[in-house]
Structure formats: structure tokens, C-alpha cells
Amino acid sequence: MTREVVSNPIEQARIAGLRRLMEHRRIAVLTDGFSTPFLAKTAIGLLRYRTADVAAVIDREHAGKDAMELFGAGKGIPVVRELSEVAKADAVYLGIAPPGGQCPSAWREIILAATRRGLDVVSGLHDFLLDHADYVQASRDSSGQLIDVRRNQWKTTGTGTLFPQSGVRIHTVGHDCSVGKMVASIELVRGLQQAGENATFLATGQTGIMISGNGLPIDCIVADFVNGAAERLILDHAASTFLVIEGQGSISHPAFSAVTAGLLHGCAPHGIIFCYEAGRSLVKGLTDVPIPPLADQLRLNLAMANTRFPCELIGFAINTRLIAAAEAEAEIARIEAEFSVPACDVYRHGPAKLVAASLALRNKVCPPCSSPRTA
């Protein structure tokens, strides 16, 4: 981080809180009353990528179930009724990402109980824990900390800087919100690392930050400073051969296109991976607004990216959860034939095709980067 940012008390507190996230080893994920794929995507991400650190999920209605049964992730992790049932918990993570980002009022007593017990409470909501006087007082009276991963005072604009030529920047974009941009990014990084490459996942949203303990909350940064925040993410991790930047929103979304444009210009990707959900035709949260055709959106994303830096499409990450396996294979074949790039569903098939595409991009745009490899 720059000296200007580190000297900001709120930013100092945010960075310190992020470092603390990776110390949590007995997490209780709170989804009580909101345990649906639409609302609990933060919980699902934690169950998928921090499985060993999650002790339980709290939801009174579904107590007694296994997390896998409820969310399709976190096999063996129990769903319990009360926080008191989670022995030796060290943190409570608010596991939802509802529209508007407000904290359910019914959770107040659970949050207070956790804080009084000396547990950290971690939230990625726009409704900051630190804005509630009773939570703050409870944390002062105990050893527990309140960690708002979205709370920031980033105030640095983009500069259009030329990034070091020692690495490859790959960015996931999508045809809508919540189509799997974060998952595609993480799976690609894991695949590259397994191939012996020095690859880093750069989180730009609450769930990715909670998983990785790093990143910037792009959707909670003042609009003028989004590009600058994305630039900073790249510069702070320039030692990596591959930087995979998590996408946000959609360039065509009537509500959330601004963050997409800011990321495309701020991180200046060499390549983009286009993510979409097969079978989804209407914009999430705006059920009377149709999603524009993929080809139109792809042209717009590439045009936006190329106004900043030369960029190309290197593949598709298709979320095929709504269709059967045979239909998924047909959809992948159709997309590969139409766009002449590899396509896959990282959930069903793994990221191998996207790893190969990323290596090919590296050899094309940064041949000197092809030699050094790290385990």
C-alpha cells in the first residue's frame, strides 16, 4: 500500500482486520433465516474454500442438517441452532450478501453474544458493525474485534500507470451478477499453482476477501477511486507471474456496471475470461430486464478494456448448474465453435482448459515470464 493509504486510520484498521481473518480456525458462519443460494453466497464461498476453518453454520430452521445438504458445499460441517453449540469458536462470519447489504435486525442478539464472548465478528455488509454503538461497546468490553471488510476510505484516483511487464493480468467478467466470477478466478489460480506457476488471486468483493484475507472492496469504494484501487491491487502484487482479478457486476447491468468499467480500466488486463450462467435470461434482481446477447456484451467488454490496454478474450467459464450434464456439454461445444476459444464449467470439469489458455496468453504477451516457475 502507498504511504498515503497506510496513514489513513480507517485503512490501517481494515488492513489489520484482513490480516486477522487468516488466523480464524473455528468459524461459525451465520445465515439464520437467509440460507438460500441467492442470499448466502458468502457462506457458500467460505464452505467451499475455507472448509477446514468452518466449525458450523448457524440457522435455527435447518439445525441438524449437514452444510452440504443445505448449500451444496461443506460436507461434514453441521448446521446448528445456537452459537453456544459451537465449541471453541474464534469468530462469527456474517454469511449473506443481500441486495442493499443491510444486516438483519434479528441477528443483533447473536452478534452481541458473540462479541461479549470475546469472538471476532466479521461482516462484508454495507451496514457496518462499527456504526452500531452497542456492538462497539461490547467489543471494547471483551477481546473480540469487529471487522468490516468493506469499510474503507480509499481516496486515490487512477493514473493510467504502465504496469511492470513481468506478469500477466487476467480478469473475469460476466453477463450478470452472481454467475461465478469469483469461483472461476479462484479455480484458475489453484490450477495455475498446481501447474507450478506463481499465481495470485486478487479479491475485489466481500466473499473473496474473507476467503483470501486480502483485496479491496471495489463495490464500496467511491466511484472516482475505483480505478485507482484496482491499479493499487496490481502494483501491490506485481511479483506474481499471473494476477487473476476477480470481476464484479456486469458491464450491461443497469445497477452495477460502474464497478465493471472501473476494474476493466484499473487493472488493464491482458486477457479476459467471460463468465455466464447457461439458462439465465433475466438480470438478477431486475426480473423484467433481459440480459443482452453474449456476443454484444463481449464486444462491449473488449472495447472498454482495449481503450486502456490491449486485451483479448481467452476463454469462457460457464456456470451450468441449471442444466443437465448432456446439455452442459452441448453448450460448451456451441460456445467453443462460435467464439474459437476454450470453454468449461469449473464446477463440473475443473479449470484445465482455462489454465492452458492462460499459459498460452503468457507465452504470447510476456515470453520472458515463461522461464521462472515456482512450486
Protein backbone atom coordinates (compact mmCIF):
# COMPACT_ATOMS: atom_id res chain seq x y z
CA MET A 1 0.00 0.00 0.00
CA THR A 2 1.09 3.58 -0.57
CA ARG A 3 2.14 5.78 2.32
CA GLU A 4 -0.94 7.92 1.74
CA VAL A 5 -3.27 4.96 2.24
CA VAL A 6 -1.45 3.37 5.18
CA SER A 7 -1.50 6.68 7.09
CA ASN A 8 -5.32 6.65 6.99
CA PRO A 9 -6.63 5.25 10.33
CA ILE A 10 -9.64 3.53 8.78
CA GLU A 11 -7.46 1.93 6.12
CA GLN A 12 -4.95 0.87 8.77
CA ALA A 13 -7.78 -0.78 10.72
CA ARG A 14 -9.08 -2.52 7.59
CA ILE A 15 -5.64 -3.93 6.71
CA ALA A 16 -5.12 -5.12 10.30
CA GLY A 17 -8.55 -6.77 10.24
CA LEU A 18 -7.77 -8.58 6.99
CA ARG A 19 -4.57 -9.98 8.45
CA ARG A 20 -6.58 -11.31 11.40
CA LEU A 21 -9.00 -13.16 9.10
CA MET A 22 -6.48 -15.84 8.25
CA GLU A 23 -5.92 -16.57 11.95
CA HIS A 24 -9.50 -17.80 12.39
CA ARG A 25 -9.66 -21.59 12.62
CA ARG A 26 -13.09 -22.19 14.27
CA ILE A 27 -15.54 -20.05 12.33
CA ALA A 28 -19.28 -20.05 12.90
CA VAL A 29 -20.98 -18.87 9.71
CA LEU A 30 -24.26 -17.06 10.40
CA THR A 31 -27.03 -17.43 7.80
CA ASP A 32 -30.05 -17.74 10.11
CA GLY A 33 -33.23 -17.15 8.11
CA PHE A 34 -31.34 -16.44 4.88
CA SER A 35 -29.94 -19.83 3.85
CA THR A 36 -30.63 -19.65 0.12
CA PRO A 37 -28.17 -19.67 -2.81
CA PHE A 38 -29.36 -16.17 -3.75
CA LEU A 39 -28.63 -14.64 -0.33
CA ALA A 40 -25.98 -16.89 1.26
CA LYS A 41 -23.28 -16.82 -1.41
CA THR A 42 -20.70 -15.63 1.15
CA ALA A 43 -21.43 -18.68 3.29
CA ILE A 44 -21.18 -20.94 0.25
CA GLY A 45 -17.81 -19.44 -0.70
CA LEU A 46 -16.47 -19.94 2.82
CA LEU A 47 -17.74 -23.51 2.93
CA ARG A 48 -16.12 -24.25 -0.41
CA TYR A 49 -12.74 -22.57 0.08
CA ARG A 50 -12.19 -22.37 3.84
CA THR A 51 -13.79 -25.71 4.67
CA ALA A 52 -11.22 -26.67 7.29
CA ASP A 53 -11.71 -23.35 9.12
CA VAL A 54 -15.51 -23.53 9.39
CA ALA A 55 -16.80 -25.21 12.55
CA ALA A 56 -20.54 -24.79 11.96
CA VAL A 57 -23.33 -22.89 10.24
CA ILE A 58 -25.95 -21.19 12.41
CA ASP A 59 -29.54 -21.44 11.17
CA ARG A 60 -32.38 -22.34 13.54
CA GLU A 61 -34.76 -23.54 10.83
CA HIS A 62 -32.27 -26.01 9.35
CA ALA A 63 -30.49 -27.14 12.55
CA GLY A 64 -29.47 -30.78 12.42
CA LYS A 65 -28.67 -30.77 8.72
CA ASP A 66 -25.25 -31.00 7.12
CA ALA A 67 -23.96 -27.90 5.31
CA MET A 68 -23.65 -29.96 2.13
CA GLU A 69 -27.36 -30.76 2.27
CA LEU A 70 -28.24 -27.09 2.71
CA PHE A 71 -25.70 -25.37 0.46
CA GLY A 72 -24.03 -28.00 -1.73
CA ALA A 73 -20.69 -27.32 -0.03
CA GLY A 74 -19.04 -28.02 3.33
CA LYS A 75 -19.62 -31.76 3.72
CA GLY A 76 -19.41 -32.78 7.35
CA ILE A 77 -19.97 -29.27 8.74
CA PRO A 78 -23.04 -29.20 11.00
CA VAL A 79 -25.87 -26.70 10.89
CA VAL A 80 -26.70 -25.72 14.47
CA ARG A 81 -29.40 -23.72 16.19
CA GLU A 82 -27.34 -21.55 18.53
CA LEU A 83 -23.84 -20.09 18.75
CA SER A 84 -23.49 -21.75 22.15
CA GLU A 85 -23.38 -25.12 20.36
CA VAL A 86 -20.12 -24.20 18.60
CA ALA A 87 -17.32 -25.22 20.95
CA LYS A 88 -14.11 -23.18 20.89
CA ALA A 89 -15.36 -20.83 18.15
CA ASP A 90 -12.98 -17.95 17.44
CA ALA A 91 -15.12 -15.89 15.04
CA VAL A 92 -18.61 -15.40 13.66
CA TYR A 93 -18.78 -14.54 9.94
CA LEU A 94 -21.97 -12.98 8.58
CA GLY A 95 -22.55 -15.30 5.65
CA ILE A 96 -25.02 -13.39 3.49
CA ALA A 97 -24.85 -10.84 0.69
CA PRO A 98 -28.40 -9.47 0.39
CA PRO A 99 -29.37 -6.67 -2.01
CA GLY A 100 -28.56 -3.39 -0.27
CA GLY A 101 -26.17 -5.07 2.16
CA GLN A 102 -28.21 -4.50 5.34
CA CYS A 103 -27.70 -6.67 8.43
CA PRO A 104 -30.88 -8.45 9.58
CA SER A 105 -32.19 -6.85 12.78
CA ALA A 106 -32.95 -10.33 14.13
CA TRP A 107 -29.21 -11.01 14.26
CA ARG A 108 -28.50 -8.26 16.80
CA GLU A 109 -28.51 -10.52 19.87
CA ILE A 110 -26.37 -13.15 18.15
CA ILE A 111 -23.76 -10.53 17.23
CA LEU A 112 -23.77 -9.09 20.73
CA ALA A 113 -23.46 -12.57 22.26
CA ALA A 114 -20.51 -13.36 20.02
CA THR A 115 -18.74 -10.11 20.84
CA ARG A 116 -19.33 -10.46 24.58
CA ARG A 117 -17.93 -13.97 24.38
CA GLY A 118 -14.69 -12.50 23.01
CA LEU A 119 -15.18 -13.71 19.44
CA ASP A 120 -14.35 -11.67 16.39
CA VAL A 121 -17.35 -10.76 14.25
CA VAL A 122 -16.64 -10.42 10.53
CA SER A 123 -19.02 -8.71 8.13
CA GLY A 124 -18.91 -7.90 4.46
CA LEU A 125 -22.17 -5.97 4.51
CA HIS A 126 -22.61 -2.30 3.66
CA ASP A 127 -24.25 -1.93 7.09
CA PHE A 128 -21.03 -1.64 9.09
CA LEU A 129 -20.72 -3.25 12.50
CA LEU A 130 -18.61 -0.31 13.64
CA ASP A 131 -21.53 2.06 13.03
CA HIS A 132 -23.54 0.38 15.82
CA ALA A 133 -22.70 1.81 19.24
CA ASP A 134 -23.84 -1.28 21.16
CA TYR A 135 -21.57 -3.56 19.13
CA VAL A 136 -18.65 -1.18 19.59
CA GLN A 137 -19.18 -1.00 23.34
CA ALA A 138 -19.45 -4.78 23.62
CA SER A 139 -16.19 -5.21 21.70
CA ARG A 140 -14.45 -2.71 24.00
CA ASP A 141 -15.55 -4.77 26.99
CA SER A 142 -14.13 -8.01 25.55
CA SER A 143 -11.26 -9.27 23.44
CA GLY A 144 -13.44 -9.65 20.35
CA GLN A 145 -12.95 -7.43 17.33
CA LEU A 146 -15.46 -6.07 14.83
CA ILE A 147 -14.12 -6.46 11.29
CA ASP A 148 -15.95 -4.75 8.42
CA VAL A 149 -14.15 -5.95 5.31
CA ARG A 150 -15.94 -3.37 3.13
CA ARG A 151 -15.24 -0.36 5.34
CA ASN A 152 -12.59 1.81 3.72
CA GLN A 153 -11.53 5.36 2.97
CA TRP A 154 -9.71 4.75 -0.28
CA LYS A 155 -9.22 8.16 -1.91
CA THR A 156 -6.68 7.71 -4.68
CA THR A 157 -7.67 8.12 -8.32
CA GLY A 158 -6.29 6.06 -11.19
CA THR A 159 -3.23 7.31 -13.00
CA GLY A 160 -3.15 5.14 -16.12
CA THR A 161 0.22 3.86 -14.95
CA LEU A 162 2.24 1.44 -17.03
CA PHE A 163 2.42 -1.78 -15.05
CA PRO A 164 5.59 -3.89 -14.82
CA GLN A 165 5.97 -6.20 -17.82
CA SER A 166 6.92 -9.14 -15.65
CA GLY A 167 3.45 -10.63 -15.24
CA VAL A 168 0.17 -11.47 -16.93
CA ARG A 169 -3.14 -9.96 -15.83
CA ILE A 170 -6.31 -12.00 -16.34
CA HIS A 171 -9.71 -10.64 -15.39
CA THR A 172 -13.06 -12.41 -15.08
CA VAL A 173 -16.09 -10.54 -16.39
CA GLY A 174 -19.69 -11.72 -16.65
CA HIS A 175 -23.04 -11.35 -18.31
CA ASP A 176 -24.69 -10.66 -14.93
CA CYS A 177 -24.07 -10.60 -11.18
CA SER A 178 -23.52 -13.83 -9.23
CA VAL A 179 -22.63 -16.08 -12.16
CA GLY A 180 -19.37 -17.49 -10.76
CA LYS A 181 -16.68 -14.88 -11.49
CA MET A 182 -15.06 -15.37 -8.09
CA VAL A 183 -15.14 -19.16 -8.30
CA ALA A 184 -13.68 -19.14 -11.82
CA SER A 185 -10.90 -16.83 -10.62
CA ILE A 186 -10.01 -18.94 -7.59
CA GLU A 187 -10.17 -22.21 -9.51
CA LEU A 188 -7.92 -20.78 -12.23
CA VAL A 189 -5.36 -19.65 -9.65
CA ARG A 190 -5.43 -23.06 -8.00
CA GLY A 191 -4.95 -24.74 -11.36
CA LEU A 192 -2.02 -22.49 -12.24
CA GLN A 193 -0.42 -23.09 -8.86
CA GLN A 194 -0.79 -26.86 -9.29
CA ALA A 195 0.97 -26.45 -12.64
CA GLY A 196 3.90 -24.86 -10.79
CA GLU A 197 3.11 -21.26 -11.66
CA ASN A 198 3.35 -18.21 -9.41
CA ALA A 199 -0.30 -17.11 -9.48
CA THR A 200 -2.25 -14.82 -7.16
CA PHE A 201 -5.99 -14.33 -6.71
CA LEU A 202 -6.92 -10.66 -6.27
CA ALA A 203 -10.22 -10.34 -4.42
CA THR A 204 -12.50 -7.40 -5.17
CA GLY A 205 -15.60 -8.42 -3.20
CA GLN A 206 -16.53 -9.34 0.34
CA THR A 207 -16.53 -13.12 -0.08
CA GLY A 208 -13.22 -13.23 -1.93
CA ILE A 209 -11.65 -11.03 0.75
CA MET A 210 -12.94 -13.30 3.54
CA ILE A 211 -11.54 -16.33 1.72
CA SER A 212 -8.12 -14.91 0.86
CA GLY A 213 -7.55 -12.35 3.63
CA ASN A 214 -6.59 -9.79 1.02
CA GLY A 215 -8.08 -7.48 -1.59
CA LEU A 216 -10.11 -4.31 -1.88
CA PRO A 217 -13.93 -3.96 -1.64
CA ILE A 218 -14.46 -2.42 -5.07
CA ASP A 219 -18.24 -2.06 -4.73
CA CYS A 220 -17.82 0.02 -1.58
CA ILE A 221 -15.18 2.42 -2.90
CA VAL A 222 -16.24 5.89 -4.03
CA ALA A 223 -16.74 5.83 -7.82
CA ASP A 224 -13.89 8.23 -8.62
CA PHE A 225 -11.42 5.98 -6.80
CA VAL A 226 -12.35 2.52 -8.15
CA ASN A 227 -9.77 2.65 -10.96
CA GLY A 228 -7.07 3.76 -8.53
CA ALA A 229 -7.90 0.92 -6.14
CA ALA A 230 -7.65 -1.62 -8.96
CA GLU A 231 -4.29 -0.16 -10.00
CA ARG A 232 -3.06 -0.46 -6.44
CA LEU A 233 -4.06 -4.11 -6.26
CA ILE A 234 -1.94 -4.83 -9.33
CA LEU A 235 1.08 -2.85 -8.13
CA ASP A 236 1.00 -4.46 -4.68
CA HIS A 237 1.19 -7.95 -6.22
CA ALA A 238 3.42 -7.26 -9.22
CA ALA A 239 5.86 -10.01 -8.23
CA SER A 240 3.40 -12.71 -9.33
CA THR A 241 3.65 -14.18 -12.82
CA PHE A 242 -0.14 -14.44 -13.06
CA LEU A 243 -2.55 -12.00 -11.45
CA VAL A 244 -6.15 -13.16 -11.66
CA ILE A 245 -8.50 -10.31 -10.80
CA GLU A 246 -11.99 -11.18 -9.58
CA GLY A 247 -14.72 -9.45 -11.56
CA GLN A 248 -17.69 -7.53 -10.19
CA GLY A 249 -21.11 -6.70 -11.62
CA SER A 250 -21.64 -6.66 -15.36
CA ILE A 251 -20.94 -4.01 -17.99
CA SER A 252 -24.60 -4.20 -19.07
CA HIS A 253 -26.21 -4.35 -15.62
CA PRO A 254 -28.47 -1.30 -15.10
CA ALA A 255 -27.40 -1.06 -11.44
CA PHE A 256 -23.85 -2.44 -11.22
CA SER A 257 -22.00 -1.56 -14.41
CA ALA A 258 -19.78 1.13 -12.83
CA VAL A 259 -17.58 -1.30 -10.88
CA THR A 260 -17.11 -3.41 -14.02
CA ALA A 261 -15.87 -0.45 -16.04
CA GLY A 262 -13.60 0.69 -13.22
CA LEU A 263 -11.98 -2.73 -12.95
CA LEU A 264 -11.50 -3.09 -16.71
CA HIS A 265 -9.63 0.22 -16.80
CA GLY A 266 -7.92 -0.02 -13.43
CA CYS A 267 -6.41 -3.50 -13.76
CA ALA A 268 -5.72 -3.24 -17.53
CA PRO A 269 -5.98 -6.98 -18.23
CA HIS A 270 -4.07 -8.77 -20.96
CA GLY A 271 -6.91 -11.26 -21.18
CA ILE A 272 -10.48 -11.70 -20.01
CA ILE A 273 -12.45 -14.81 -19.17
CA PHE A 274 -16.14 -14.33 -19.83
CA CYS A 275 -18.40 -15.94 -17.22
CA TYR A 276 -22.09 -16.64 -17.67
CA GLU A 277 -24.85 -18.90 -16.38
CA ALA A 278 -26.42 -21.08 -19.01
CA GLY A 279 -30.19 -20.76 -18.93
CA ARG A 280 -30.30 -17.35 -17.24
CA SER A 281 -32.08 -14.81 -19.42
CA LEU A 282 -33.10 -12.04 -16.99
CA VAL A 283 -30.91 -9.70 -14.94
CA LYS A 284 -30.54 -10.76 -11.31
CA GLY A 285 -32.72 -8.57 -9.11
CA LEU A 286 -34.41 -6.93 -12.10
CA THR A 287 -36.66 -9.66 -13.39
CA ASP A 288 -38.20 -7.60 -16.17
CA VAL A 289 -34.81 -6.70 -17.71
CA PRO A 290 -33.42 -9.17 -20.27
CA ILE A 291 -29.69 -9.95 -20.39
CA PRO A 292 -28.21 -8.75 -23.70
CA PRO A 293 -26.75 -11.36 -26.09
CA LEU A 294 -23.33 -12.72 -25.10
CA ALA A 295 -21.67 -11.53 -28.30
CA ASP A 296 -22.85 -7.96 -27.70
CA GLN A 297 -21.63 -7.97 -24.12
CA LEU A 298 -18.31 -9.49 -25.10
CA ARG A 299 -17.72 -6.78 -27.71
CA LEU A 300 -18.51 -4.10 -25.15
CA ASN A 301 -16.15 -5.60 -22.52
CA LEU A 302 -13.31 -5.88 -25.01
CA ALA A 303 -13.90 -2.36 -26.31
CA MET A 304 -13.83 -0.96 -22.78
CA ALA A 305 -10.69 -2.90 -21.89
CA ASN A 306 -8.85 -2.00 -25.07
CA THR A 307 -9.34 1.71 -24.56
CA ARG A 308 -6.90 1.27 -21.67
CA PHE A 309 -4.61 -1.61 -22.72
CA PRO A 310 -4.51 -4.32 -25.43
CA CYS A 311 -6.77 -7.13 -24.27
CA GLU A 312 -8.24 -10.30 -25.72
CA LEU A 313 -10.76 -12.98 -24.85
CA ILE A 314 -9.02 -16.18 -23.74
CA GLY A 315 -11.95 -18.35 -22.64
CA PHE A 316 -15.40 -18.85 -21.18
CA ALA A 317 -16.30 -20.07 -17.69
CA ILE A 318 -19.85 -21.36 -17.99
CA ASN A 319 -21.99 -21.99 -14.93
CA THR A 320 -24.16 -24.94 -15.99
CA ARG A 321 -25.91 -25.63 -12.69
CA LEU A 322 -29.35 -25.07 -14.23
CA ILE A 323 -28.95 -27.65 -16.99
CA ALA A 324 -28.21 -31.37 -17.21
CA ALA A 325 -24.75 -32.77 -17.95
CA ALA A 326 -25.52 -33.56 -21.61
CA GLU A 327 -26.90 -30.07 -22.15
CA ALA A 328 -23.80 -28.61 -20.49
CA GLU A 329 -21.51 -30.48 -22.87
CA ALA A 330 -23.56 -29.23 -25.83
CA GLU A 331 -23.43 -25.64 -24.53
CA ILE A 332 -19.66 -25.81 -24.12
CA ALA A 333 -19.24 -27.18 -27.63
CA ARG A 334 -21.51 -24.45 -29.05
CA ILE A 335 -19.59 -21.65 -27.36
CA GLU A 336 -16.20 -23.04 -28.42
CA ALA A 337 -17.38 -23.31 -32.02
CA GLU A 338 -18.87 -19.81 -32.05
CA PHE A 339 -16.03 -17.93 -30.35
CA SER A 340 -12.98 -20.12 -31.13
CA VAL A 341 -11.71 -20.12 -27.52
CA PRO A 342 -11.87 -22.83 -24.84
CA ALA A 343 -14.89 -23.09 -22.55
CA CYS A 344 -15.62 -25.13 -19.44
CA ASP A 345 -17.61 -25.29 -16.23
CA VAL A 346 -15.00 -25.15 -13.46
CA TYR A 347 -17.50 -26.72 -11.03
CA ARG A 348 -18.09 -29.79 -13.19
CA HIS A 349 -14.89 -30.13 -15.18
CA GLY A 350 -12.17 -28.19 -13.37
CA PRO A 351 -10.12 -25.29 -14.80
CA ALA A 352 -7.68 -27.20 -17.05
CA LYS A 353 -8.83 -25.53 -20.26
CA LEU A 354 -8.53 -22.06 -18.73
CA VAL A 355 -5.12 -22.89 -17.28
CA ALA A 356 -3.91 -23.89 -20.75
CA ALA A 357 -5.37 -20.69 -22.22
CA SER A 358 -3.63 -18.61 -19.55
CA LEU A 359 -0.28 -20.27 -20.24
CA ALA A 360 -0.74 -19.61 -23.96
CA LEU A 361 -1.52 -15.96 -23.23
CA ARG A 362 1.62 -15.70 -21.09
CA ASN A 363 3.76 -17.08 -23.90
CA LYS A 364 2.21 -14.55 -26.27
CA VAL A 365 2.30 -11.33 -24.24
CA CYS A 366 5.18 -11.98 -21.86
CA PRO A 367 7.69 -14.55 -23.22
CA PRO A 368 10.30 -13.68 -20.57
CA CYS A 369 7.77 -14.69 -17.90
CA SER A 370 7.74 -18.23 -19.27
CA SER A 371 11.06 -19.22 -17.71
CA PRO A 372 10.83 -18.64 -13.93
CA ARG A 373 8.45 -21.05 -12.20
CA THR A 374 7.74 -21.58 -8.55
CA ALA A 375 6.23 -24.54 -6.80
